[in-house]
Amino acid sequence: MTLPPRRTTLHHETCFRNALVFRLGHTRLALPADQVATVAEVGSCTQIPNADPTLLGVGRVGLRLLPLIDAHRRMRVVAPPPAGFPWKCLVVKSALGEVAFRIDEVLGLHAMPEGLAPPGCTLMPLERLVDGSPGVGEDA
């Protein structure tokens, strides 16, 4: 008995990963969740004289002191200054260690196809956030 030939179909599997979606001013950004250490509230900040204007200072996150960077200034996103403490901060894992960024709001975790941003968001490469290369909507 002869069996009919099998039909083979190529399935292109799409890899998904989680993204943490957050807001800076009116801009919605997404960062791969595996690059985020935690989201925390910072109750105070000690300024560092003559520092880069994007460096707000040093803030306590849990039991650690971390550099606290204003993500608005770093990404050149226009937003009103913070009303006061506590500040919502996104702590990311970078080559320099953990760094905290002041943000406006966390909008949640969303699944995204590898390399694509969730709808209505801009995918933010961690390197751009950490090193301050061109901001949102600017050419690299």
Protein backbone atom coordinates (compact mmCIF):
# COMPACT_ATOMS: atom_id res chain seq x y z
CA MET A 1 0.00 0.00 0.00
CA THR A 2 1.38 3.38 -0.97
CA LEU A 3 0.76 6.35 1.28
CA PRO A 4 -0.06 9.72 -0.29
CA PRO A 5 2.79 12.23 -0.11
CA ARG A 6 2.82 14.37 3.01
CA ARG A 7 2.19 18.03 2.67
CA THR A 8 4.78 20.06 4.46
CA THR A 9 4.01 23.53 5.60
CA LEU A 10 6.65 25.90 6.82
CA HIS A 11 5.67 27.55 10.03
CA HIS A 12 7.41 30.76 10.82
CA GLU A 13 7.46 30.97 14.57
CA THR A 14 7.41 34.44 16.01
CA CYS A 15 9.32 34.92 19.22
CA PHE A 16 7.58 37.06 21.77
CA ARG A 17 9.07 38.79 24.76
CA ASN A 18 7.60 40.95 27.47
CA ALA A 19 8.02 44.69 27.39
CA LEU A 20 7.50 47.13 30.22
CA VAL A 21 5.52 50.05 28.85
CA PHE A 22 5.96 53.40 30.59
CA ARG A 23 5.17 57.05 30.01
CA LEU A 24 7.42 60.10 29.79
CA GLY A 25 5.25 63.18 29.35
CA HIS A 26 2.86 62.25 26.52
CA THR A 27 5.29 59.72 25.05
CA ARG A 28 4.72 55.99 25.55
CA LEU A 29 7.90 53.90 25.52
CA ALA A 30 8.60 50.18 25.82
CA LEU A 31 11.71 48.54 27.22
CA PRO A 32 12.32 44.78 27.13
CA ALA A 33 11.26 43.54 30.57
CA ASP A 34 14.39 41.43 31.01
CA GLN A 35 16.41 44.66 31.11
CA VAL A 36 14.36 46.06 34.01
CA ALA A 37 15.51 45.23 37.55
CA THR A 38 12.54 46.82 39.32
CA VAL A 39 10.13 49.73 39.50
CA ALA A 40 10.44 51.75 42.70
CA GLU A 41 9.44 54.96 44.37
CA VAL A 42 12.28 57.22 45.46
CA GLY A 43 11.52 59.44 48.44
CA SER A 44 14.51 61.77 48.26
CA CYS A 45 17.47 62.65 46.11
CA THR A 46 20.89 64.03 47.01
CA GLN A 47 22.18 66.33 44.28
CA ILE A 48 25.75 66.09 43.02
CA PRO A 49 27.42 69.48 42.35
CA ASN A 50 28.63 70.18 38.80
CA ALA A 51 27.12 66.95 37.47
CA ASP A 52 25.58 66.34 34.06
CA PRO A 53 22.18 68.13 34.03
CA THR A 54 20.41 64.84 33.34
CA LEU A 55 21.79 63.39 36.59
CA LEU A 56 19.32 64.33 39.33
CA GLY A 57 21.63 62.93 41.98
CA VAL A 58 21.74 59.80 44.09
CA GLY A 59 18.59 58.19 45.46
CA ARG A 60 17.88 55.32 47.80
CA VAL A 61 16.20 52.33 46.15
CA GLY A 62 15.60 49.75 48.82
CA LEU A 63 18.90 49.44 50.68
CA ARG A 64 21.02 50.66 47.76
CA LEU A 65 22.07 54.12 46.62
CA LEU A 66 21.73 54.42 42.85
CA PRO A 67 22.39 57.19 40.35
CA LEU A 68 19.06 58.83 39.56
CA ILE A 69 18.72 60.13 36.02
CA ASP A 70 15.90 62.27 34.66
CA ALA A 71 14.67 60.18 31.72
CA HIS A 72 12.77 63.23 30.39
CA ARG A 73 15.92 65.29 29.94
CA ARG A 74 17.96 62.27 28.82
CA MET A 75 15.44 61.45 26.05
CA ARG A 76 14.63 65.10 25.31
CA VAL A 77 10.94 64.63 26.13
CA VAL A 78 9.18 67.80 27.21
CA ALA A 79 7.40 67.31 30.53
CA PRO A 80 6.64 69.46 33.56
CA PRO A 81 9.08 69.17 36.46
CA PRO A 82 8.16 66.64 39.12
CA ALA A 83 5.61 67.91 41.64
CA GLY A 84 7.52 66.42 44.55
CA PHE A 85 8.48 63.14 46.11
CA PRO A 86 8.02 60.24 45.82
CA TRP A 87 9.23 59.86 42.24
CA LYS A 88 8.37 56.78 40.19
CA CYS A 89 11.63 55.25 38.96
CA LEU A 90 12.53 52.49 36.57
CA VAL A 91 15.70 50.66 37.64
CA VAL A 92 17.47 49.13 34.65
CA LYS A 93 20.34 46.67 34.32
CA SER A 94 23.10 48.28 32.29
CA ALA A 95 26.73 47.52 31.56
CA LEU A 96 27.52 50.15 34.22
CA GLY A 97 25.38 48.41 36.83
CA GLU A 98 21.88 49.33 37.94
CA VAL A 99 20.70 52.87 37.18
CA ALA A 100 17.39 54.49 38.20
CA PHE A 101 15.43 56.70 35.78
CA ARG A 102 12.65 59.06 36.86
CA ILE A 103 9.55 58.37 34.77
CA ASP A 104 5.92 59.50 34.95
CA GLU A 105 3.97 56.26 34.98
CA VAL A 106 4.23 52.52 34.41
CA LEU A 107 1.53 51.37 32.00
CA GLY A 108 2.09 47.63 32.35
CA LEU A 109 3.69 44.57 30.80
CA HIS A 110 2.85 43.73 27.19
CA ALA A 111 3.89 40.84 24.97
CA MET A 112 5.63 42.02 21.81
CA PRO A 113 7.09 40.25 18.81
CA GLU A 114 10.90 40.26 18.96
CA GLY A 115 12.20 43.64 17.79
CA LEU A 116 8.79 45.34 17.57
CA ALA A 117 7.12 47.71 20.00
CA PRO A 118 3.62 47.23 21.38
CA PRO A 119 1.00 49.32 19.52
CA GLY A 120 1.20 53.04 20.28
CA CYS A 121 4.70 52.79 21.81
CA THR A 122 8.25 53.45 20.78
CA LEU A 123 10.69 50.64 21.51
CA MET A 124 13.51 52.09 23.58
CA PRO A 125 16.88 50.39 23.27
CA LEU A 126 18.47 50.37 26.73
CA GLU A 127 21.71 51.81 25.35
CA ARG A 128 19.90 54.97 24.21
CA LEU A 129 18.35 55.45 27.62
CA VAL A 130 21.63 54.88 29.46
CA ASP A 131 24.03 56.82 27.25
CA GLY A 132 21.63 59.60 26.22
CA SER A 133 22.08 59.18 22.47
CA PRO A 134 19.44 60.90 20.30
CA GLY A 135 16.07 61.20 21.96
CA VAL A 136 12.66 59.93 21.03
CA GLY A 137 11.80 60.91 17.49
CA GLU A 138 15.35 62.06 16.69
CA ASP A 139 17.63 60.45 14.15
CA ALA A 140 20.48 58.34 15.41
